[in-house]
Amino acid sequence: MDKEKPKSKSKKFISNDLNYDKKRSSSSEKKLSKRQYLGNITAFCNIAIAVGTLILVFYTIKQVNFSILFAEKTIALADSSMKLDHRPWVIFQKIIPDSYNIDSMSEGSVWIDNYGKTPAIDLDLVVGMFYDSVFEITRLPLDGEDNVSFKSKAIIPPSRPSQIVCNDFSFLSPERRKKILQKKGWLFVYGVITYTDVFKGHDTTVFCQVYDVDSRSFVFFKKFNTAK
């Protein structure tokens, strides 16, 4: 009988080598895939961090701008309050005629005062008087022929009353004076005061009074009395 030939060991070794190579190749592919996955996650995290940083920088800049704007408004408000508190306030005080009897009244004077804390500079005062048969006047005749203009470059310090003599009341004819007594006509005295303050602001005061027959004095009219 023929003897059975032994199997070739070389084929077995080749087969084992092939299996080992396949396993090694598979393991390498798995490692490479895992590295790619981790790399993608790292890249995504870096992008997310960059975006978050940009958003944080944006909101930080926005907050800084808001803080600067708030500080500027606070400073402006404080400056405005300081100027308002320390500016001059030239206010009309009263009208003093030489006689409170309309029949004998011939002239008068206007008294103004600075109630502020700083001087009023370059005062410009226009005083006017006029007669009207209508009590509900709607405007002041700033260009009227009975106006008296008083201009002064002098400084009016605080708490220093100043007197300005008005024009005479010769425009009041006996007939007009009679109508005033009958409350069919009215005598108005008004003034416009403009001046400059130490902060280089331009301020204006307007006043208007009407002669009251019952009290025989000048009283404030219900309109045209402002200070700003």
Protein backbone atom coordinates (compact mmCIF):
# COMPACT_ATOMS: atom_id res chain seq x y z
CA MET A 1 0.00 0.00 0.00
CA ASP A 2 1.02 3.44 -0.70
CA LYS A 3 1.68 5.61 2.35
CA GLU A 4 -0.44 8.77 2.85
CA LYS A 5 1.60 11.82 2.10
CA PRO A 6 1.78 14.42 4.93
CA LYS A 7 0.14 17.79 4.37
CA SER A 8 2.36 20.60 3.39
CA LYS A 9 3.34 22.84 6.28
CA SER A 10 4.14 25.72 3.97
CA LYS A 11 0.52 26.09 2.89
CA LYS A 12 -0.57 26.21 6.52
CA PHE A 13 1.93 28.92 7.32
CA ILE A 14 0.83 30.96 4.31
CA SER A 15 -2.80 30.69 5.39
CA ASN A 16 -1.95 31.86 8.90
CA ASP A 17 0.02 34.79 7.52
CA LEU A 18 -2.90 35.86 5.36
CA ASN A 19 -5.30 35.74 8.31
CA TYR A 20 -2.89 37.74 10.42
CA ASP A 21 -2.54 40.36 7.69
CA LYS A 22 -6.31 40.64 7.36
CA LYS A 23 -6.74 41.07 11.10
CA ARG A 24 -3.94 43.61 11.22
CA SER A 25 -5.40 45.51 8.26
CA SER A 26 -8.86 45.51 9.88
CA SER A 27 -7.42 46.72 13.17
CA SER A 28 -5.54 49.50 11.38
CA GLU A 29 -8.70 50.59 9.56
CA LYS A 30 -10.59 50.69 12.84
CA LYS A 31 -7.86 52.77 14.46
CA LEU A 32 -7.81 55.11 11.47
CA SER A 33 -11.59 55.48 11.55
CA LYS A 34 -11.46 56.20 15.27
CA ARG A 35 -8.77 58.82 14.75
CA GLN A 36 -10.81 60.49 12.02
CA TYR A 37 -13.86 60.52 14.30
CA LEU A 38 -11.88 62.06 17.14
CA GLY A 39 -10.35 64.56 14.70
CA ASN A 40 -13.79 65.59 13.46
CA ILE A 41 -15.01 66.08 17.02
CA THR A 42 -11.93 68.14 17.86
CA ALA A 43 -12.42 70.29 14.76
CA PHE A 44 -16.10 70.81 15.59
CA CYS A 45 -15.21 71.76 19.16
CA ASN A 46 -12.62 74.24 17.92
CA ILE A 47 -15.16 75.81 15.57
CA ALA A 48 -17.74 76.00 18.37
CA ILE A 49 -15.18 77.62 20.69
CA ALA A 50 -14.25 80.12 17.99
CA VAL A 51 -17.90 81.02 17.32
CA GLY A 52 -18.57 81.33 21.05
CA THR A 53 -15.53 83.57 21.44
CA LEU A 54 -16.75 85.81 18.61
CA ILE A 55 -20.20 86.05 20.18
CA LEU A 56 -18.65 86.87 23.56
CA VAL A 57 -16.45 89.55 21.98
CA PHE A 58 -19.48 91.00 20.16
CA TYR A 59 -21.58 91.25 23.32
CA THR A 60 -18.61 92.57 25.28
CA ILE A 61 -18.12 95.36 22.73
CA LYS A 62 -21.85 96.04 22.76
CA GLN A 63 -21.86 96.23 26.56
CA VAL A 64 -18.84 98.56 26.53
CA ASN A 65 -20.54 100.84 23.99
CA PHE A 66 -23.70 100.86 26.09
CA SER A 67 -21.68 101.73 29.20
CA ILE A 68 -19.93 104.57 27.35
CA LEU A 69 -23.25 105.90 26.03
CA PHE A 70 -24.81 105.68 29.51
CA ALA A 71 -21.82 107.50 31.01
CA GLU A 72 -22.02 110.23 28.35
CA LYS A 73 -25.74 110.73 29.00
CA THR A 74 -25.16 110.81 32.75
CA ILE A 75 -22.44 113.43 32.35
CA ALA A 76 -24.62 115.49 29.99
CA LEU A 77 -27.53 115.31 32.44
CA ALA A 78 -25.32 116.36 35.34
CA ASP A 79 -23.89 119.22 33.27
CA SER A 80 -27.38 120.36 32.25
CA SER A 81 -28.60 120.21 35.87
CA MET A 82 -25.57 122.17 37.04
CA LYS A 83 -26.15 124.88 34.42
CA LEU A 84 -29.85 125.02 35.22
CA ASP A 85 -29.12 125.37 38.92
CA HIS A 86 -26.41 128.04 38.50
CA ARG A 87 -27.71 130.06 35.55
CA PRO A 88 -29.21 133.55 35.96
CA TRP A 89 -32.98 133.97 36.05
CA VAL A 90 -34.03 137.49 35.14
CA ILE A 91 -37.64 137.79 36.22
CA PHE A 92 -40.10 140.62 35.93
CA GLN A 93 -41.10 141.95 39.35
CA LYS A 94 -43.67 144.70 39.03
CA ILE A 95 -44.82 147.86 37.32
CA ILE A 96 -44.91 151.01 39.42
CA PRO A 97 -46.76 153.95 37.82
CA ASP A 98 -46.47 157.48 39.10
CA SER A 99 -50.15 157.23 39.94
CA TYR A 100 -52.45 154.23 40.25
CA ASN A 101 -55.37 156.38 39.19
CA ILE A 102 -55.85 155.92 35.47
CA ASP A 103 -57.03 159.53 35.09
CA SER A 104 -53.73 160.95 36.32
CA MET A 105 -51.30 158.22 35.31
CA SER A 106 -48.53 159.75 33.16
CA GLU A 107 -45.55 157.36 33.31
CA GLY A 108 -44.27 154.28 35.09
CA SER A 109 -41.28 152.06 35.63
CA VAL A 110 -40.63 148.36 35.22
CA TRP A 111 -38.67 146.50 37.88
CA ILE A 112 -36.77 143.33 37.06
CA ASP A 113 -34.47 141.18 39.20
CA ASN A 114 -31.97 138.39 38.77
CA TYR A 115 -33.07 135.49 40.97
CA GLY A 116 -30.31 133.18 39.72
CA LYS A 117 -26.87 132.42 41.14
CA THR A 118 -24.74 133.95 38.38
CA PRO A 119 -24.78 137.31 36.57
CA ALA A 120 -26.90 138.08 33.51
CA ILE A 121 -24.82 139.54 30.68
CA ASP A 122 -25.70 141.76 27.69
CA LEU A 123 -29.24 142.48 28.80
CA ASP A 124 -31.64 143.56 26.07
CA LEU A 125 -35.07 144.72 27.25
CA VAL A 126 -37.98 145.90 25.13
CA VAL A 127 -40.92 147.35 27.05
CA GLY A 128 -44.18 148.12 25.32
CA MET A 129 -47.53 149.60 26.24
CA PHE A 130 -50.72 149.57 24.25
CA TYR A 131 -54.45 150.08 24.52
CA ASP A 132 -56.93 147.55 23.18
CA SER A 133 -60.72 147.43 23.16
CA VAL A 134 -60.52 143.62 23.24
CA PHE A 135 -59.41 141.93 26.45
CA GLU A 136 -58.64 138.54 24.91
CA ILE A 137 -55.56 139.60 22.97
CA THR A 138 -53.84 136.93 20.88
CA ARG A 139 -50.45 138.55 20.29
CA LEU A 140 -48.09 141.19 21.59
CA PRO A 141 -47.34 144.12 19.25
CA LEU A 142 -43.57 143.79 19.53
CA ASP A 143 -43.16 146.34 16.76
CA GLY A 144 -45.66 148.79 18.25
CA GLU A 145 -45.02 152.53 18.14
CA ASP A 146 -45.36 152.80 21.92
CA ASN A 147 -42.50 150.39 22.57
CA VAL A 148 -39.47 151.50 24.56
CA SER A 149 -36.17 149.75 23.86
CA PHE A 150 -33.58 149.47 26.61
CA LYS A 151 -30.23 147.87 25.82
CA SER A 152 -27.33 147.52 28.20
CA LYS A 153 -23.99 145.76 28.11
CA ALA A 154 -23.84 145.97 31.89
CA ILE A 155 -23.83 142.83 34.00
CA ILE A 156 -26.83 142.33 36.27
CA PRO A 157 -25.60 140.39 39.33
CA PRO A 158 -27.88 138.14 41.37
CA SER A 159 -30.38 139.79 43.73
CA ARG A 160 -29.91 143.23 42.22
CA PRO A 161 -33.28 144.78 41.27
CA SER A 162 -33.12 147.07 38.24
CA GLN A 163 -35.52 149.83 37.29
CA ILE A 164 -36.41 150.71 33.70
CA VAL A 165 -38.52 153.80 33.14
CA CYS A 166 -41.37 153.24 30.70
CA ASN A 167 -42.51 155.64 28.07
CA ASP A 168 -45.16 158.10 29.14
CA PHE A 169 -48.84 157.26 28.88
CA SER A 170 -49.64 160.20 26.64
CA PHE A 171 -51.10 157.83 24.05
CA LEU A 172 -53.99 157.32 26.47
CA SER A 173 -56.50 159.90 25.39
CA PRO A 174 -59.22 161.02 27.82
CA GLU A 175 -61.68 158.91 25.83
CA ARG A 176 -59.53 155.79 26.21
CA ARG A 177 -59.07 156.40 29.92
CA LYS A 178 -62.83 156.67 30.28
CA LYS A 179 -63.34 153.36 28.48
CA ILE A 180 -60.76 151.72 30.74
CA LEU A 181 -62.74 152.85 33.77
CA GLN A 182 -65.89 151.48 32.14
CA LYS A 183 -64.11 148.18 31.39
CA LYS A 184 -64.62 148.70 27.70
CA GLY A 185 -60.92 149.09 27.03
CA TRP A 186 -57.71 147.81 28.59
CA LEU A 187 -54.18 149.05 29.12
CA PHE A 188 -51.43 146.47 28.64
CA VAL A 189 -47.76 146.71 29.58
CA TYR A 190 -45.43 143.98 28.40
CA GLY A 191 -41.75 143.28 28.04
CA VAL A 192 -39.29 140.95 26.36
CA ILE A 193 -35.97 140.44 28.15
CA THR A 194 -33.08 138.66 26.44
CA TYR A 195 -29.68 138.08 28.02
CA THR A 196 -26.66 135.80 28.02
CA ASP A 197 -25.51 133.65 30.92
CA VAL A 198 -21.98 132.73 31.96
CA PHE A 199 -22.36 129.40 30.14
CA LYS A 200 -22.89 131.31 26.86
CA GLY A 201 -26.54 130.33 26.77
CA HIS A 202 -29.18 132.72 25.47
CA ASP A 203 -32.18 133.16 27.77
CA THR A 204 -35.50 134.95 27.37
CA THR A 205 -38.16 136.25 29.73
CA VAL A 206 -41.53 137.55 28.54
CA PHE A 207 -44.06 139.31 30.76
CA CYS A 208 -47.43 140.95 30.26
CA GLN A 209 -49.63 142.82 32.70
CA VAL A 210 -52.96 144.55 32.36
CA TYR A 211 -54.34 147.43 34.38
CA ASP A 212 -57.11 146.29 36.73
CA VAL A 213 -59.67 148.98 37.49
CA ASP A 214 -61.03 147.32 40.64
CA SER A 215 -57.65 147.01 42.40
CA ARG A 216 -56.16 150.06 40.65
CA SER A 217 -52.98 148.16 39.91
CA PHE A 218 -51.31 146.14 37.20
CA VAL A 219 -51.89 142.40 37.40
CA PHE A 220 -50.48 139.52 35.40
CA PHE A 221 -52.33 138.74 32.22
CA LYS A 222 -53.24 135.07 31.77
CA LYS A 223 -50.90 134.69 28.79
CA PHE A 224 -47.46 135.83 27.64
CA ASN A 225 -45.61 135.25 30.92
CA THR A 226 -42.71 132.88 30.42
CA ALA A 227 -39.08 132.45 31.45
CA LYS A 228 -36.75 130.03 29.70
